[in-house]
Amino acid sequence: MRPPRGSGLRFQRLRLENWKNFTRVDVPLETRVFLAGPNAAGKSNLLDALRFLHDLVRSGGGLAEAAGTRHGIGKLRCLAARQSSDVVIAAQIGTTDEPGLWEYELHLCEGERHRAMITRERVARGGLDLWLRPDAEDERDPERLTGTYLEQINVNREVREIADLFRSIRYLHPAPQLVRDPDRYAPRRDDPYGGDFLERIAQAPQNIRTARLRRILEVLQAAMPQLQELEFYRDELRGTPHLRGKYRHWRPQGAWQNEDQFSDGTLRLLGILWAALDDSGPMLVEEPEVGLHPGVVAQIPKMLAAMLHRTGRQVLLTTHSEALLRVEGIGLNEVLVLIPETEGTAVRPADSLRQVADLLNSGMGLPEGTAPDSGSPAAKQIPLFRAGQEETEDAPAADAPLA
């Protein structure tokens, strides 16, 4: 079950302890979040904490499955963990009108036979605890601590709104080769790598499918004016679903191309834009700029805003793109900078970095590098942007933030 469209329920804060790259992270999350940092800093690992929450409650999931697919709690635990070795994920959830409405906190350790065991599970609403584990029943039967309350449908009714939000999380990292040749891969439903992309389009009712493709075409034409039409069809021989686009060409009638002729960047972007209309929960997007020209990359925030403005759906994306982060309208509070340090990776909102504040107070823009106070040479390679930067030929401005 998905949260109702337009409900506005989203993640407002995330705290991690001993999770992969991070000994401790405690950061606010806006409706739109950009994760910037060098390779191997942990951008994908931060998104994976939210994917872990999704895996707790998805069909066929649960704590054992979520930990098992990540090779156990021992592999999740940060190598720099010191005093407390528990792996902790804690989230604050709310709406614009009711910030901090819900709190969910999960502490995990590795038990016998390398099983994931709960050392603490807490759910609170309005600051009042609804669940706090271990409880008396857990003490009598420790086996209960191998599963969360959230995954137990018969007991989670009063907090099912949280479970529904976690279940609605969608991770996207489309692999164009799987879209072009789906026969080589048997995708599962909601495949993050796009193996089910064409099938999802095919399963949409015709009127909804047509309306969505028309909307996507309108958005794409701002960055790809040569694209004139976008349509779905099935081939006559096998009934296989296809997507094709008509491009302006030297021929009077233009030229049609199937999905197997689209560029990698175009296919990735199509998959992301379709998913933005196809679901209502938080979107986790990996490097949407891959394979795209900087001029198109600079339009991505505007495209996502156009897709998501009706629901205010939350989107968190990782990026290495300077062109994307330069876009006017991205707020400093929307960017989280990942900075590798000796004891794991630090995560800092861009508006909290000392150099950012100093430059803005002096009336200047942000530099191409990032804060020197990070103490990490690698961090100086992280691209930032400056608020209100003049548009460049390759990077046209996007419109206002989603929030």
Protein backbone atom coordinates (compact mmCIF):
# COMPACT_ATOMS: atom_id res chain seq x y z
CA MET A 1 0.00 0.00 0.00
CA ARG A 2 1.34 3.41 -0.96
CA PRO A 3 0.91 6.63 0.97
CA PRO A 4 -1.92 8.67 -0.57
CA ARG A 5 -0.81 10.95 -3.36
CA GLY A 6 -0.36 14.45 -2.04
CA SER A 7 -0.14 13.32 1.59
CA GLY A 8 3.24 15.03 1.90
CA LEU A 9 4.69 12.42 4.26
CA ARG A 10 8.46 12.28 3.78
CA PHE A 11 11.79 11.74 5.50
CA GLN A 12 12.84 14.91 7.34
CA ARG A 13 15.93 13.71 9.13
CA LEU A 14 18.24 10.70 8.92
CA ARG A 15 20.63 9.45 11.58
CA LEU A 16 23.08 6.62 10.98
CA GLU A 17 25.63 5.05 13.29
CA ASN A 18 28.26 2.52 12.20
CA TRP A 19 26.54 2.16 8.82
CA LYS A 20 29.07 1.26 6.12
CA ASN A 21 31.20 4.41 5.50
CA PHE A 22 29.66 6.35 8.36
CA THR A 23 30.47 6.22 12.05
CA ARG A 24 27.82 8.85 12.70
CA VAL A 25 25.55 10.87 10.43
CA ASP A 26 22.73 13.14 11.55
CA VAL A 27 21.40 15.35 8.77
CA PRO A 28 18.15 17.07 7.76
CA LEU A 29 16.52 15.99 4.51
CA GLU A 30 14.60 18.42 2.32
CA THR A 31 11.99 17.49 -0.26
CA ARG A 32 14.82 17.52 -2.80
CA VAL A 33 18.29 16.32 -1.78
CA PHE A 34 21.52 16.29 -3.80
CA LEU A 35 24.36 14.09 -2.51
CA ALA A 36 27.74 15.34 -3.72
CA GLY A 37 31.13 13.84 -3.02
CA PRO A 38 34.12 12.02 -4.53
CA ASN A 39 34.07 8.40 -5.65
CA ALA A 40 33.81 5.87 -2.80
CA ALA A 41 32.73 8.56 -0.31
CA GLY A 42 29.51 6.66 0.40
CA LYS A 43 26.77 8.39 -1.58
CA SER A 44 25.18 5.10 -2.63
CA ASN A 45 25.69 3.69 0.87
CA LEU A 46 23.71 6.57 2.34
CA LEU A 47 20.84 5.86 -0.06
CA ASP A 48 21.12 2.19 0.87
CA ALA A 49 20.08 2.97 4.44
CA LEU A 50 16.69 4.03 3.08
CA ARG A 51 16.64 1.00 0.78
CA PHE A 52 17.20 -1.14 3.88
CA LEU A 53 14.06 0.33 5.45
CA HIS A 54 12.19 -0.50 2.24
CA ASP A 55 13.46 -4.08 2.31
CA LEU A 56 12.18 -4.55 5.87
CA VAL A 57 8.56 -4.22 4.72
CA ARG A 58 8.47 -5.11 1.02
CA SER A 59 6.75 -8.29 -0.11
CA GLY A 60 9.14 -11.18 0.48
CA GLY A 61 11.41 -9.01 2.60
CA GLY A 62 11.97 -8.66 6.33
CA LEU A 63 14.98 -8.14 8.57
CA ALA A 64 16.65 -11.45 7.74
CA GLU A 65 16.30 -10.82 4.01
CA ALA A 66 17.39 -7.18 4.22
CA ALA A 67 20.53 -8.08 6.17
CA GLY A 68 21.20 -11.24 4.19
CA THR A 69 21.25 -9.54 0.80
CA ARG A 70 23.91 -7.24 2.27
CA HIS A 71 25.94 -10.23 3.55
CA GLY A 72 25.03 -9.75 7.20
CA ILE A 73 25.39 -7.12 9.88
CA GLY A 74 29.14 -7.73 10.05
CA LYS A 75 29.48 -6.41 6.49
CA LEU A 76 27.24 -3.42 7.21
CA ARG A 77 29.16 -2.31 10.29
CA CYS A 78 31.58 0.56 9.72
CA LEU A 79 35.23 -0.49 10.03
CA ALA A 80 35.87 2.62 12.12
CA ALA A 81 33.25 1.66 14.75
CA ARG A 82 34.64 2.04 18.25
CA GLN A 83 32.69 1.94 21.53
CA SER A 84 29.17 0.95 20.48
CA SER A 85 29.25 -1.54 17.63
CA ASP A 86 25.49 -1.58 16.97
CA VAL A 87 24.38 -0.53 13.50
CA VAL A 88 21.75 2.18 13.86
CA ILE A 89 19.23 3.64 11.41
CA ALA A 90 16.90 6.33 12.74
CA ALA A 91 14.51 8.48 10.73
CA GLN A 92 12.29 11.42 11.50
CA ILE A 93 9.21 11.52 9.31
CA GLY A 94 6.59 14.20 8.86
CA THR A 95 4.87 16.71 6.62
CA THR A 96 5.27 20.41 6.04
CA ASP A 97 2.38 21.06 8.43
CA GLU A 98 3.41 18.42 10.96
CA PRO A 99 7.21 18.20 11.12
CA GLY A 100 8.60 15.33 13.17
CA LEU A 101 5.25 13.55 13.23
CA TRP A 102 6.86 10.11 13.38
CA GLU A 103 10.18 8.73 14.60
CA TYR A 104 11.55 5.30 13.80
CA GLU A 105 14.76 3.93 15.32
CA LEU A 106 16.37 0.53 14.76
CA HIS A 107 19.55 -0.80 16.43
CA LEU A 108 21.05 -4.04 15.12
CA CYS A 109 23.83 -6.41 16.12
CA GLU A 110 25.09 -9.73 14.85
CA GLY A 111 23.76 -12.67 16.85
CA GLU A 112 24.39 -16.38 16.80
CA ARG A 113 24.85 -17.97 13.37
CA HIS A 114 25.51 -14.45 12.04
CA ARG A 115 21.84 -13.55 12.23
CA ALA A 116 20.70 -9.94 12.50
CA MET A 117 19.32 -9.25 15.98
CA ILE A 118 17.42 -6.20 17.21
CA THR A 119 18.86 -4.53 20.29
CA ARG A 120 16.43 -1.60 20.15
CA GLU A 121 13.37 -0.74 18.06
CA ARG A 122 11.43 2.41 18.76
CA VAL A 123 8.42 4.01 17.11
CA ALA A 124 7.10 7.34 18.35
CA ARG A 125 4.29 9.62 17.19
CA GLY A 126 4.18 13.21 18.27
CA GLY A 127 7.10 12.55 20.63
CA LEU A 128 5.26 9.77 22.48
CA ASP A 129 6.61 6.21 22.30
CA LEU A 130 4.21 3.69 20.78
CA TRP A 131 6.69 0.81 20.68
CA LEU A 132 9.90 0.33 22.54
CA ARG A 133 11.77 -2.94 22.25
CA PRO A 134 13.00 -5.21 23.69
CA ASP A 135 9.79 -5.54 25.69
CA ALA A 136 8.67 -8.16 28.20
CA GLU A 137 7.63 -10.62 25.49
CA ASP A 138 11.00 -10.24 23.78
CA GLU A 139 12.73 -11.04 27.06
CA ARG A 140 10.70 -14.23 27.36
CA ASP A 141 11.26 -15.19 23.72
CA PRO A 142 14.48 -13.64 22.30
CA GLU A 143 13.75 -15.24 18.91
CA ARG A 144 11.24 -12.43 18.39
CA LEU A 145 14.17 -10.04 18.08
CA THR A 146 15.05 -11.49 14.68
CA GLY A 147 12.14 -9.56 13.13
CA THR A 148 10.87 -5.99 13.35
CA TYR A 149 7.38 -4.99 14.40
CA LEU A 150 7.00 -3.11 11.12
CA GLU A 151 7.10 -6.31 9.08
CA GLN A 152 4.39 -7.99 11.20
CA ILE A 153 1.11 -6.99 9.57
CA ASN A 154 -1.00 -8.46 12.37
CA VAL A 155 0.47 -6.08 14.97
CA ASN A 156 1.58 -2.97 13.07
CA ARG A 157 -1.82 -1.46 12.32
CA GLU A 158 -1.33 1.67 14.42
CA VAL A 159 1.95 2.48 12.68
CA ARG A 160 1.17 1.12 9.24
CA GLU A 161 1.55 4.61 7.81
CA ILE A 162 5.30 4.31 8.39
CA ALA A 163 5.44 0.84 6.87
CA ASP A 164 3.56 2.14 3.82
CA LEU A 165 6.05 4.99 3.40
CA PHE A 166 9.01 2.60 3.64
CA ARG A 167 7.38 0.23 1.16
CA SER A 168 6.86 3.05 -1.33
CA ILE A 169 10.59 3.95 -1.52
CA ARG A 170 11.84 3.47 -5.09
CA TYR A 171 15.53 3.13 -5.96
CA LEU A 172 16.56 3.88 -9.57
CA HIS A 173 19.84 3.19 -11.31
CA PRO A 174 18.71 2.28 -14.87
CA ALA A 175 21.04 0.12 -16.96
CA PRO A 176 20.25 0.94 -20.62
CA GLN A 177 21.47 -2.43 -21.90
CA LEU A 178 18.73 -4.18 -19.87
CA VAL A 179 16.07 -1.94 -21.41
CA ARG A 180 17.36 -2.59 -24.92
CA ASP A 181 17.57 -6.36 -24.49
CA PRO A 182 15.22 -7.50 -21.71
CA ASP A 183 15.45 -11.12 -22.88
CA ARG A 184 18.91 -11.40 -21.35
CA TYR A 185 17.52 -10.64 -17.91
CA ALA A 186 14.47 -11.76 -15.94
CA PRO A 187 13.53 -8.61 -14.02
CA ARG A 188 11.59 -8.52 -10.80
CA ARG A 189 8.83 -6.02 -10.22
CA ASP A 190 10.18 -2.53 -9.44
CA ASP A 191 13.59 -3.51 -10.79
CA PRO A 192 15.94 -0.60 -9.96
CA TYR A 193 18.03 -1.29 -13.07
CA GLY A 194 15.20 -0.80 -15.55
CA GLY A 195 14.68 -4.38 -16.67
CA ASP A 196 10.91 -3.94 -16.19
CA PHE A 197 10.76 -0.41 -17.62
CA LEU A 198 8.92 -1.27 -20.86
CA GLU A 199 6.64 -3.72 -19.08
CA ARG A 200 5.64 -1.07 -16.54
CA ILE A 201 4.70 1.22 -19.41
CA ALA A 202 2.73 -1.62 -21.03
CA GLN A 203 0.80 -2.36 -17.82
CA ALA A 204 -0.42 1.22 -17.41
CA PRO A 205 -3.98 1.80 -18.66
CA GLN A 206 -3.92 3.27 -22.15
CA ASN A 207 -5.31 6.68 -21.20
CA ILE A 208 -2.84 7.03 -18.33
CA ARG A 209 0.05 5.79 -20.47
CA THR A 210 -0.76 8.26 -23.23
CA ALA A 211 -1.07 11.17 -20.80
CA ARG A 212 2.22 10.32 -19.08
CA LEU A 213 4.16 9.99 -22.34
CA ARG A 214 2.73 13.31 -23.51
CA ARG A 215 3.85 14.92 -20.26
CA ILE A 216 7.33 13.38 -20.51
CA LEU A 217 7.61 14.57 -24.11
CA GLU A 218 6.76 18.13 -23.10
CA VAL A 219 9.42 18.07 -20.41
CA LEU A 220 12.07 16.49 -22.63
CA GLN A 221 11.51 18.96 -25.46
CA ALA A 222 12.88 21.77 -23.29
CA ALA A 223 16.29 20.07 -23.48
CA MET A 224 15.84 18.00 -26.66
CA PRO A 225 13.83 20.17 -29.08
CA GLN A 226 14.54 17.78 -31.95
CA LEU A 227 12.31 15.14 -30.27
CA GLN A 228 8.86 15.57 -31.83
CA GLU A 229 6.84 12.52 -30.73
CA LEU A 230 7.04 9.74 -28.15
CA GLU A 231 4.82 6.69 -28.28
CA PHE A 232 4.35 3.13 -27.06
CA TYR A 233 3.58 0.13 -29.27
CA ARG A 234 3.88 -3.67 -29.41
CA ASP A 235 5.55 -5.44 -32.29
CA GLU A 236 3.28 -7.62 -34.42
CA LEU A 237 5.45 -10.74 -34.29
CA ARG A 238 5.88 -11.30 -30.54
CA GLY A 239 3.77 -8.61 -28.92
CA THR A 240 6.92 -7.25 -27.26
CA PRO A 241 6.45 -3.74 -25.79
CA HIS A 242 8.50 -0.94 -27.34
CA LEU A 243 8.99 2.77 -26.95
CA ARG A 244 9.86 4.92 -29.93
CA GLY A 245 10.54 8.57 -30.60
CA LYS A 246 10.28 10.69 -33.72
CA TYR A 247 13.15 13.10 -34.23
CA ARG A 248 13.31 16.15 -36.45
CA HIS A 249 15.45 15.15 -39.41
CA TRP A 250 16.49 16.25 -42.88
CA ARG A 251 13.71 14.01 -44.17
CA PRO A 252 10.36 15.86 -44.42
CA GLN A 253 8.59 13.31 -42.19
CA GLY A 254 11.35 13.03 -39.62
CA ALA A 255 12.89 9.76 -38.43
CA TRP A 256 11.62 7.21 -35.89
CA GLN A 257 13.94 5.46 -33.43
CA ASN A 258 13.12 2.56 -31.12
CA GLU A 259 14.43 2.29 -27.57
CA ASP A 260 17.32 0.14 -28.81
CA GLN A 261 18.51 3.16 -30.81
CA PHE A 262 18.18 5.71 -28.02
CA SER A 263 21.38 6.88 -26.36
CA ASP A 264 22.25 5.55 -22.91
CA GLY A 265 21.60 8.94 -21.35
CA THR A 266 18.21 9.29 -23.01
CA LEU A 267 17.09 5.82 -21.87
CA ARG A 268 18.20 6.48 -18.30
CA LEU A 269 16.36 9.79 -18.27
CA LEU A 270 13.19 8.26 -19.72
CA GLY A 271 13.24 5.56 -17.03
CA ILE A 272 13.63 8.12 -14.26
CA LEU A 273 10.88 10.42 -15.58
CA TRP A 274 8.44 7.53 -16.02
CA ALA A 275 9.13 6.34 -12.47
CA ALA A 276 8.55 9.87 -11.19
CA LEU A 277 4.97 9.66 -12.50
CA ASP A 278 4.43 5.95 -11.74
CA ASP A 279 4.82 6.01 -7.95
CA SER A 280 4.19 8.29 -5.00
CA GLY A 281 6.93 7.46 -2.46
CA PRO A 282 10.47 8.77 -2.06
CA MET A 283 12.73 8.38 -5.11
CA LEU A 284 16.39 7.44 -4.74
CA VAL A 285 18.21 8.21 -8.00
CA GLU A 286 21.82 7.37 -8.86
CA GLU A 287 23.70 9.85 -11.07
CA PRO A 288 20.94 10.89 -13.49
CA GLU A 289 23.51 12.88 -15.49
CA VAL A 290 25.36 9.81 -16.84
CA GLY A 291 25.54 9.87 -20.65
CA LEU A 292 23.96 13.31 -21.03
CA HIS A 293 25.30 16.59 -22.40
CA PRO A 294 25.86 19.29 -19.70
CA GLY A 295 23.12 21.40 -21.25
CA VAL A 296 20.62 18.57 -20.74
CA VAL A 297 22.03 17.77 -17.29
CA ALA A 298 21.34 21.34 -16.20
CA GLN A 299 17.66 20.78 -17.02
CA ILE A 300 17.29 17.68 -14.81
CA PRO A 301 16.15 19.55 -11.66
CA LYS A 302 13.56 21.39 -13.76
CA MET A 303 12.39 18.13 -15.34
CA LEU A 304 11.97 16.41 -11.99
CA ALA A 305 10.18 19.44 -10.58
CA ALA A 306 7.75 19.34 -13.51
CA MET A 307 7.10 15.64 -12.86
CA LEU A 308 6.74 15.86 -9.09
CA HIS A 309 5.19 19.25 -8.33
CA ARG A 310 1.67 17.86 -7.91
CA THR A 311 2.58 15.46 -5.11
CA GLY A 312 5.66 17.07 -3.56
CA ARG A 313 7.23 13.62 -3.82
CA GLN A 314 10.65 13.48 -2.18
CA VAL A 315 13.70 12.80 -4.34
CA LEU A 316 17.28 12.08 -3.23
CA LEU A 317 19.89 11.83 -5.93
CA THR A 318 23.63 11.30 -6.10
CA THR A 319 25.67 13.30 -8.55
CA HIS A 320 29.18 14.08 -9.75
CA SER A 321 27.91 16.76 -12.12
CA GLU A 322 29.11 20.33 -11.70
CA ALA A 323 26.59 21.40 -14.37
CA LEU A 324 23.71 20.00 -12.31
CA LEU A 325 24.83 21.61 -9.05
CA ARG A 326 25.31 24.99 -10.73
CA VAL A 327 21.61 25.27 -11.52
CA GLU A 328 19.93 28.37 -10.18
CA GLY A 329 17.13 27.54 -7.76
CA ILE A 330 18.95 24.76 -5.88
CA GLY A 331 19.18 25.80 -2.25
CA LEU A 332 22.27 25.30 -0.10
CA ASN A 333 20.11 23.37 2.35
CA GLU A 334 19.28 20.88 -0.41
CA VAL A 335 22.89 19.76 -0.90
CA LEU A 336 24.64 17.26 1.37
CA VAL A 337 28.42 17.14 0.94
CA LEU A 338 30.15 13.83 1.73
CA ILE A 339 33.71 14.33 2.96
CA PRO A 340 35.99 11.30 3.53
CA GLU A 341 37.90 11.58 6.80
CA THR A 342 40.24 9.33 8.79
CA GLU A 343 37.40 7.80 10.83
CA GLY A 344 34.80 7.37 8.11
CA THR A 345 32.86 9.81 5.96
CA ALA A 346 31.35 13.02 7.29
CA VAL A 347 28.10 14.37 5.82
CA ARG A 348 27.47 18.09 6.03
CA PRO A 349 24.69 20.28 4.64
CA ALA A 350 26.29 22.79 2.26
CA ASP A 351 24.80 25.72 4.19
CA SER A 352 26.73 24.63 7.31
CA LEU A 353 30.16 24.69 5.69
CA ARG A 354 32.26 27.58 6.97
CA GLN A 355 33.61 28.65 3.59
CA VAL A 356 30.09 28.81 2.16
CA ALA A 357 28.91 31.15 4.89
CA ASP A 358 32.01 33.37 4.65
CA LEU A 359 31.69 33.79 0.90
CA LEU A 360 27.98 34.51 0.96
CA ASN A 361 28.43 37.06 3.75
CA SER A 362 31.06 38.82 1.67
CA GLY A 363 28.71 38.99 -1.29
CA MET A 364 30.62 36.43 -3.35
CA GLY A 365 29.50 33.14 -4.85
CA LEU A 366 30.70 29.66 -4.02
CA PRO A 367 34.06 28.37 -5.36
CA GLU A 368 34.43 25.39 -7.67
CA GLY A 369 35.98 23.41 -4.81
CA THR A 370 34.52 22.89 -1.37
CA ALA A 371 35.33 23.79 2.20
CA PRO A 372 39.01 23.79 3.21
CA ASP A 373 38.02 23.10 6.81
CA SER A 374 37.13 19.53 5.90
CA GLY A 375 40.75 18.51 6.35
CA SER A 376 40.49 16.09 3.44
CA PRO A 377 42.39 16.60 0.18
CA ALA A 378 39.85 14.44 -1.60
CA ALA A 379 37.05 16.72 -0.45
CA LYS A 380 38.53 19.61 -2.40
CA GLN A 381 37.59 17.77 -5.56
CA ILE A 382 33.89 17.86 -4.70
CA PRO A 383 32.09 20.27 -7.03
CA LEU A 384 29.70 22.79 -5.51
CA PHE A 385 27.69 25.54 -7.05
CA ARG A 386 26.86 29.08 -6.12
CA ALA A 387 23.39 30.37 -5.44
CA GLY A 388 22.15 32.80 -8.04
CA GLN A 389 24.96 32.02 -10.46
CA GLU A 390 24.52 33.52 -13.89
CA GLU A 391 23.36 31.08 -16.51
CA THR A 392 25.99 29.73 -18.84
CA GLU A 393 25.55 28.61 -22.40
CA ASP A 394 25.79 24.96 -21.37
CA ALA A 395 23.79 25.26 -18.15
CA PRO A 396 20.41 26.97 -18.47
CA ALA A 397 18.53 27.71 -15.27
CA ALA A 398 15.92 25.45 -13.72
CA ASP A 399 12.80 26.62 -11.98
CA ALA A 400 12.11 26.80 -8.26
CA PRO A 401 12.69 23.92 -5.81
CA LEU A 402 9.95 21.37 -5.24
CA ALA A 403 9.34 22.34 -1.65
